[in-house]
Structures are given as C-alpha cells and as structure tokens.
Amino acid sequence: MCLAIPSKIIKIDGVEAEVEVGGVKKRANLTFIEKPAIGDYVLMHAGFAIKKISDKDARETLDIWDKLK
C-alpha cells in the first residue's frame, strides 16, 4: 500500500520545491503539477508532488493523521 501525504509548498525553484508537512521540510519534484504556487497543498509520493488538493482537504487529512499518532 502506498500513501500520499498532503504537504504545503513553501518555496519554488524551477521544477523543484521545498514543502513542509508536520514541521518537516522536504524537497519535491513539481513536474506533475500545473501552475504550482507557494501556499498550495499537494499530495506527495516518492519525492514527487502528484496532485494539488484544497486547503480544506489537506487540513482534514492532516487532522486524521495527527489523531492516529
């Protein structure tokens, strides 16, 4: 089973971005994202941002993750 984690784009440098999830910053490839922008939430898998999601959906998912810890 694979999990895609909601992450927030905080910096963009070409097709690479710095994203943050749970206070942890990671690098992400943005090749699959149309018009990425700082502040967007994306689903991350294996170092790639694979889909934009709404702030509401991201927060709901992250709240569920927090409850499972």
PDB file of N, CA and C in Angstrom:
ATOM      1  N   MET A   1       0.844  -1.178   0.000  1.00  0.00           N
ATOM      2  CA  MET A   1       0.000   0.000   0.000  1.00  0.00           C
ATOM      3  C   MET A   1       0.886   1.237   0.000  1.00  0.00           C
ATOM      4  N   CYS A   2       0.518   2.226  -0.789  1.00  0.00           N
ATOM      5  CA  CYS A   2       1.245   3.495  -0.854  1.00  0.00           C
ATOM      6  C   CYS A   2       0.388   4.590  -0.253  1.00  0.00           C
ATOM      7  N   LEU A   3       1.040   5.518   0.403  1.00  0.00           N
ATOM      8  CA  LEU A   3       0.342   6.645   0.993  1.00  0.00           C
ATOM      9  C   LEU A   3       0.842   7.939   0.361  1.00  0.00           C
ATOM     10  N   ALA A   4      -0.057   8.831   0.070  1.00  0.00           N
ATOM     11  CA  ALA A   4       0.294  10.160  -0.420  1.00  0.00           C
ATOM     12  C   ALA A   4      -0.001  11.145   0.709  1.00  0.00           C
ATOM     13  N   ILE A   5       0.983  11.928   1.080  1.00  0.00           N
ATOM     14  CA  ILE A   5       0.881  12.810   2.232  1.00  0.00           C
ATOM     15  C   ILE A   5       0.677  14.260   1.789  1.00  0.00           C
ATOM     16  N   PRO A   6      -0.342  14.963   2.326  1.00  0.00           N
ATOM     17  CA  PRO A   6      -0.520  16.376   1.995  1.00  0.00           C
ATOM     18  C   PRO A   6       0.649  17.205   2.519  1.00  0.00           C
ATOM     19  N   SER A   7       1.218  18.017   1.658  1.00  0.00           N
ATOM     20  CA  SER A   7       2.348  18.871   2.010  1.00  0.00           C
ATOM     21  C   SER A   7       2.119  20.255   1.425  1.00  0.00           C
ATOM     22  N   LYS A   8       2.608  21.275   2.124  1.00  0.00           N
ATOM     23  CA  LYS A   8       2.413  22.656   1.682  1.00  0.00           C
ATOM     24  C   LYS A   8       3.682  23.167   0.998  1.00  0.00           C
ATOM     25  N   ILE A   9       3.528  23.746  -0.190  1.00  0.00           N
ATOM     26  CA  ILE A   9       4.660  24.314  -0.909  1.00  0.00           C
ATOM     27  C   ILE A   9       5.070  25.610  -0.222  1.00  0.00           C
ATOM     28  N   ILE A  10       6.354  25.699   0.169  1.00  0.00           N
ATOM     29  CA  ILE A  10       6.822  26.908   0.843  1.00  0.00           C
ATOM     30  C   ILE A  10       7.884  27.648   0.033  1.00  0.00           C
ATOM     31  N   LYS A  11       8.464  26.980  -0.970  1.00  0.00           N
ATOM     32  CA  LYS A  11       9.473  27.628  -1.811  1.00  0.00           C
ATOM     33  C   LYS A  11       9.520  26.883  -3.139  1.00  0.00           C
ATOM     34  N   ILE A  12       9.674  27.619  -4.236  1.00  0.00           N
ATOM     35  CA  ILE A  12       9.749  27.005  -5.566  1.00  0.00           C
ATOM     36  C   ILE A  12      11.026  27.464  -6.249  1.00  0.00           C
ATOM     37  N   ASP A  13      11.725  26.493  -6.855  1.00  0.00           N
ATOM     38  CA  ASP A  13      12.933  26.765  -7.618  1.00  0.00           C
ATOM     39  C   ASP A  13      12.877  25.915  -8.888  1.00  0.00           C
ATOM     40  N   GLY A  14      12.278  26.476  -9.929  1.00  0.00           N
ATOM     41  CA  GLY A  14      12.111  25.724 -11.183  1.00  0.00           C
ATOM     42  C   GLY A  14      11.093  24.614 -11.008  1.00  0.00           C
ATOM     43  N   VAL A  15      11.500  23.376 -11.288  1.00  0.00           N
ATOM     44  CA  VAL A  15      10.584  22.241 -11.131  1.00  0.00           C
ATOM     45  C   VAL A  15      10.759  21.567  -9.774  1.00  0.00           C
ATOM     46  N   GLU A  16      11.572  22.167  -8.916  1.00  0.00           N
ATOM     47  CA  GLU A  16      11.772  21.649  -7.565  1.00  0.00           C
ATOM     48  C   GLU A  16      11.125  22.601  -6.562  1.00  0.00           C
ATOM     49  N   ALA A  17      10.683  22.045  -5.457  1.00  0.00           N
ATOM     50  CA  ALA A  17      10.078  22.860  -4.404  1.00  0.00           C
ATOM     51  C   ALA A  17      10.541  22.386  -3.048  1.00  0.00           C
ATOM     52  N   GLU A  18      10.412  23.267  -2.077  1.00  0.00           N
ATOM     53  CA  GLU A  18      10.557  22.870  -0.687  1.00  0.00           C
ATOM     54  C   GLU A  18       9.135  22.814  -0.144  1.00  0.00           C
ATOM     55  N   VAL A  19       8.789  21.676   0.444  1.00  0.00           N
ATOM     56  CA  VAL A  19       7.458  21.507   1.005  1.00  0.00           C
ATOM     57  C   VAL A  19       7.592  21.212   2.492  1.00  0.00           C
ATOM     58  N   GLU A  20       6.502  21.445   3.219  1.00  0.00           N
ATOM     59  CA  GLU A  20       6.514  21.229   4.657  1.00  0.00           C
ATOM     60  C   GLU A  20       5.302  20.403   5.055  1.00  0.00           C
ATOM     61  N   VAL A  21       5.563  19.437   5.905  1.00  0.00           N
ATOM     62  CA  VAL A  21       4.480  18.646   6.487  1.00  0.00           C
ATOM     63  C   VAL A  21       4.885  18.278   7.912  1.00  0.00           C
ATOM     64  N   GLY A  22       4.026  18.614   8.841  1.00  0.00           N
ATOM     65  CA  GLY A  22       4.295  18.299  10.242  1.00  0.00           C
ATOM     66  C   GLY A  22       5.571  18.914  10.775  1.00  0.00           C
ATOM     67  N   GLY A  23       5.935  20.095  10.273  1.00  0.00           N
ATOM     68  CA  GLY A  23       7.145  20.752  10.727  1.00  0.00           C
ATOM     69  C   GLY A  23       8.423  20.271  10.046  1.00  0.00           C
ATOM     70  N   VAL A  24       8.306  19.279   9.190  1.00  0.00           N
ATOM     71  CA  VAL A  24       9.465  18.728   8.474  1.00  0.00           C
ATOM     72  C   VAL A  24       9.475  19.267   7.048  1.00  0.00           C
ATOM     73  N   LYS A  25      10.633  19.777   6.624  1.00  0.00           N
ATOM     74  CA  LYS A  25      10.772  20.296   5.271  1.00  0.00           C
ATOM     75  C   LYS A  25      11.447  19.251   4.391  1.00  0.00           C
ATOM     76  N   LYS A  26      10.937  19.124   3.165  1.00  0.00           N
ATOM     77  CA  LYS A  26      11.472  18.154   2.210  1.00  0.00           C
ATOM     78  C   LYS A  26      11.517  18.774   0.828  1.00  0.00           C
ATOM     79  N   ARG A  27      12.292  18.171  -0.061  1.00  0.00           N
ATOM     80  CA  ARG A  27      12.333  18.578  -1.465  1.00  0.00           C
ATOM     81  C   ARG A  27      11.275  17.792  -2.225  1.00  0.00           C
ATOM     82  N   ALA A  28      10.695  18.441  -3.217  1.00  0.00           N
ATOM     83  CA  ALA A  28       9.661  17.792  -4.028  1.00  0.00           C
ATOM     84  C   ALA A  28       9.833  18.180  -5.487  1.00  0.00           C
ATOM     85  N   ASN A  29       9.634  17.224  -6.362  1.00  0.00           N
ATOM     86  CA  ASN A  29       9.632  17.484  -7.790  1.00  0.00           C
ATOM     87  C   ASN A  29       8.223  17.901  -8.177  1.00  0.00           C
ATOM     88  N   LEU A  30       8.092  19.009  -8.933  1.00  0.00           N
ATOM     89  CA  LEU A  30       6.781  19.555  -9.293  1.00  0.00           C
ATOM     90  C   LEU A  30       6.373  19.253 -10.736  1.00  0.00           C
ATOM     91  N   THR A  31       7.070  18.358 -11.394  1.00  0.00           N
ATOM     92  CA  THR A  31       6.830  18.080 -12.807  1.00  0.00           C
ATOM     93  C   THR A  31       5.364  17.780 -13.123  1.00  0.00           C
ATOM     94  N   PHE A  32       4.662  17.113 -12.226  1.00  0.00           N
ATOM     95  CA  PHE A  32       3.287  16.683 -12.491  1.00  0.00           C
ATOM     96  C   PHE A  32       2.227  17.725 -12.106  1.00  0.00           C
ATOM     97  N   ILE A  33       2.636  18.869 -11.561  1.00  0.00           N
ATOM     98  CA  ILE A  33       1.696  19.868 -11.058  1.00  0.00           C
ATOM     99  C   ILE A  33       1.584  21.037 -12.032  1.00  0.00           C
ATOM    100  N   GLU A  34       0.353  21.363 -12.417  1.00  0.00           N
ATOM    101  CA  GLU A  34       0.099  22.513 -13.275  1.00  0.00           C
ATOM    102  C   GLU A  34       0.064  23.783 -12.438  1.00  0.00           C
ATOM    103  N   LYS A  35       0.845  24.756 -12.817  1.00  0.00           N
ATOM    104  CA  LYS A  35       0.879  26.077 -12.174  1.00  0.00           C
ATOM    105  C   LYS A  35       1.018  25.994 -10.645  1.00  0.00           C
ATOM    106  N   PRO A  36       2.082  25.351 -10.153  1.00  0.00           N
ATOM    107  CA  PRO A  36       2.266  25.296  -8.699  1.00  0.00           C
ATOM    108  C   PRO A  36       2.542  26.690  -8.140  1.00  0.00           C
ATOM    109  N   ALA A  37       2.079  26.938  -6.932  1.00  0.00           N
ATOM    110  CA  ALA A  37       2.283  28.237  -6.289  1.00  0.00           C
ATOM    111  C   ALA A  37       2.602  28.023  -4.811  1.00  0.00           C
ATOM    112  N   ILE A  38       3.365  28.951  -4.269  1.00  0.00           N
ATOM    113  CA  ILE A  38       3.649  28.916  -2.843  1.00  0.00           C
ATOM    114  C   ILE A  38       2.323  28.984  -2.090  1.00  0.00           C
ATOM    115  N   GLY A  39       2.169  28.116  -1.099  1.00  0.00           N
ATOM    116  CA  GLY A  39       0.933  28.048  -0.328  1.00  0.00           C
ATOM    117  C   GLY A  39       0.001  26.936  -0.769  1.00  0.00           C
ATOM    118  N   ASP A  40       0.218  26.402  -1.981  1.00  0.00           N
ATOM    119  CA  ASP A  40      -0.605  25.269  -2.449  1.00  0.00           C
ATOM    120  C   ASP A  40      -0.308  24.031  -1.611  1.00  0.00           C
ATOM    121  N   TYR A  41      -1.332  23.232  -1.394  1.00  0.00           N
ATOM    122  CA  TYR A  41      -1.146  21.907  -0.815  1.00  0.00           C
ATOM    123  C   TYR A  41      -1.105  20.900  -1.948  1.00  0.00           C
ATOM    124  N   VAL A  42      -0.162  19.972  -1.852  1.00  0.00           N
ATOM    125  CA  VAL A  42      -0.028  18.921  -2.851  1.00  0.00           C
ATOM    126  C   VAL A  42       0.072  17.578  -2.144  1.00  0.00           C
ATOM    127  N   LEU A  43      -0.348  16.538  -2.839  1.00  0.00           N
ATOM    128  CA  LEU A  43      -0.125  15.186  -2.333  1.00  0.00           C
ATOM    129  C   LEU A  43       1.260  14.752  -2.783  1.00  0.00           C
ATOM    130  N   MET A  44       2.051  14.259  -1.838  1.00  0.00           N
ATOM    131  CA  MET A  44       3.425  13.840  -2.101  1.00  0.00           C
ATOM    132  C   MET A  44       3.528  12.324  -2.083  1.00  0.00           C
ATOM    133  N   HIS A  45       4.287  11.812  -3.056  1.00  0.00           N
ATOM    134  CA  HIS A  45       4.593  10.384  -3.063  1.00  0.00           C
ATOM    135  C   HIS A  45       5.955  10.185  -3.708  1.00  0.00           C
ATOM    136  N   ALA A  46       6.856   9.532  -2.997  1.00  0.00           N
ATOM    137  CA  ALA A  46       8.184   9.177  -3.501  1.00  0.00           C
ATOM    138  C   ALA A  46       8.940  10.388  -4.055  1.00  0.00           C
ATOM    139  N   GLY A  47       8.818  11.529  -3.377  1.00  0.00           N
ATOM    140  CA  GLY A  47       9.553  12.715  -3.774  1.00  0.00           C
ATOM    141  C   GLY A  47       8.894  13.570  -4.846  1.00  0.00           C
ATOM    142  N   PHE A  48       7.723  13.144  -5.304  1.00  0.00           N
ATOM    143  CA  PHE A  48       7.010  13.883  -6.342  1.00  0.00           C
ATOM    144  C   PHE A  48       5.701  14.429  -5.789  1.00  0.00           C
ATOM    145  N   ALA A  49       5.391  15.673  -6.145  1.00  0.00           N
ATOM    146  CA  ALA A  49       4.063  16.225  -5.895  1.00  0.00           C
ATOM    147  C   ALA A  49       3.193  15.674  -7.022  1.00  0.00           C
ATOM    148  N   ILE A  50       2.161  14.916  -6.676  1.00  0.00           N
ATOM    149  CA  ILE A  50       1.386  14.225  -7.711  1.00  0.00           C
ATOM    150  C   ILE A  50       0.026  14.847  -7.981  1.00  0.00           C
ATOM    151  N   LYS A  51      -0.457  15.710  -7.063  1.00  0.00           N
ATOM    152  CA  LYS A  51      -1.772  16.319  -7.267  1.00  0.00           C
ATOM    153  C   LYS A  51      -1.963  17.479  -6.299  1.00  0.00           C
ATOM    154  N   LYS A  52      -2.553  18.571  -6.782  1.00  0.00           N
ATOM    155  CA  LYS A  52      -2.953  19.668  -5.885  1.00  0.00           C
ATOM    156  C   LYS A  52      -4.224  19.255  -5.162  1.00  0.00           C
ATOM    157  N   ILE A  53      -4.343  19.691  -3.915  1.00  0.00           N
ATOM    158  CA  ILE A  53      -5.590  19.471  -3.175  1.00  0.00           C
ATOM    159  C   ILE A  53      -5.967  20.762  -2.466  1.00  0.00           C
ATOM    160  N   SER A  54      -7.219  20.857  -2.085  1.00  0.00           N
ATOM    161  CA  SER A  54      -7.704  22.073  -1.418  1.00  0.00           C
ATOM    162  C   SER A  54      -7.150  22.166   0.004  1.00  0.00           C
ATOM    163  N   ASP A  55      -7.109  23.395   0.521  1.00  0.00           N
ATOM    164  CA  ASP A  55      -6.684  23.596   1.908  1.00  0.00           C
ATOM    165  C   ASP A  55      -7.556  22.778   2.852  1.00  0.00           C
ATOM    166  N   LYS A  56      -8.841  22.771   2.597  1.00  0.00           N
ATOM    167  CA  LYS A  56      -9.791  22.046   3.450  1.00  0.00           C
ATOM    168  C   LYS A  56      -9.478  20.553   3.468  1.00  0.00           C
ATOM    169  N   ASP A  57      -9.280  19.967   2.296  1.00  0.00           N
ATOM    170  CA  ASP A  57      -8.977  18.535   2.228  1.00  0.00           C
ATOM    171  C   ASP A  57      -7.640  18.216   2.894  1.00  0.00           C
ATOM    172  N   ALA A  58      -6.662  19.080   2.690  1.00  0.00           N
ATOM    173  CA  ALA A  58      -5.347  18.862   3.305  1.00  0.00           C
ATOM    174  C   ALA A  58      -5.460  18.886   4.827  1.00  0.00           C
ATOM    175  N   ARG A  59      -6.154  19.890   5.351  1.00  0.00           N
ATOM    176  CA  ARG A  59      -6.285  20.008   6.806  1.00  0.00           C
ATOM    177  C   ARG A  59      -7.051  18.829   7.402  1.00  0.00           C
ATOM    178  N   GLU A  60      -8.115  18.392   6.732  1.00  0.00           N
ATOM    179  CA  GLU A  60      -8.875  17.238   7.222  1.00  0.00           C
ATOM    180  C   GLU A  60      -7.994  15.993   7.273  1.00  0.00           C
ATOM    181  N   THR A  61      -7.220  15.772   6.223  1.00  0.00           N
ATOM    182  CA  THR A  61      -6.342  14.605   6.178  1.00  0.00           C
ATOM    183  C   THR A  61      -5.259  14.686   7.240  1.00  0.00           C
ATOM    184  N   LEU A  62      -4.645  15.859   7.387  1.00  0.00           N
ATOM    185  CA  LEU A  62      -3.593  16.015   8.390  1.00  0.00           C
ATOM    186  C   LEU A  62      -4.141  15.880   9.810  1.00  0.00           C
ATOM    187  N   ASP A  63      -5.373  16.334  10.039  1.00  0.00           N
ATOM    188  CA  ASP A  63      -6.012  16.151  11.349  1.00  0.00           C
ATOM    189  C   ASP A  63      -6.198  14.675  11.663  1.00  0.00           C
ATOM    190  N   ILE A  64      -6.592  13.902  10.670  1.00  0.00           N
ATOM    191  CA  ILE A  64      -6.748  12.444  10.864  1.00  0.00           C
ATOM    192  C   ILE A  64      -5.407  11.824  11.202  1.00  0.00           C
ATOM    193  N   TRP A  65      -4.342  12.199  10.464  1.00  0.00           N
ATOM    194  CA  TRP A  65      -3.003  11.673  10.752  1.00  0.00           C
ATOM    195  C   TRP A  65      -2.599  11.988  12.171  1.00  0.00           C
ATOM    196  N   ASP A  66      -2.857  13.238  12.630  1.00  0.00           N
ATOM    197  CA  ASP A  66      -2.490  13.622  13.991  1.00  0.00           C
ATOM    198  C   ASP A  66      -3.195  12.772  15.028  1.00  0.00           C
ATOM    199  N   LYS A  67      -4.444  12.428  14.783  1.00  0.00           N
ATOM    200  CA  LYS A  67      -5.207  11.615  15.726  1.00  0.00           C
ATOM    201  C   LYS A  67      -4.697  10.173  15.779  1.00  0.00           C
ATOM    202  N   LEU A  68      -4.079   9.706  14.711  1.00  0.00           N
ATOM    203  CA  LEU A  68      -3.571   8.334  14.658  1.00  0.00           C
ATOM    204  C   LEU A  68      -2.206   8.170  15.328  1.00  0.00           C
ATOM    205  N   LYS A  69      -1.552   9.276  15.626  1.00  0.00           N
ATOM    206  CA  LYS A  69      -0.199   9.208  16.230  1.00  0.00           C
ATOM    207  C   LYS A  69      -0.257   8.704  17.645  1.00  0.00           C
TER     208      LYS A  69
END
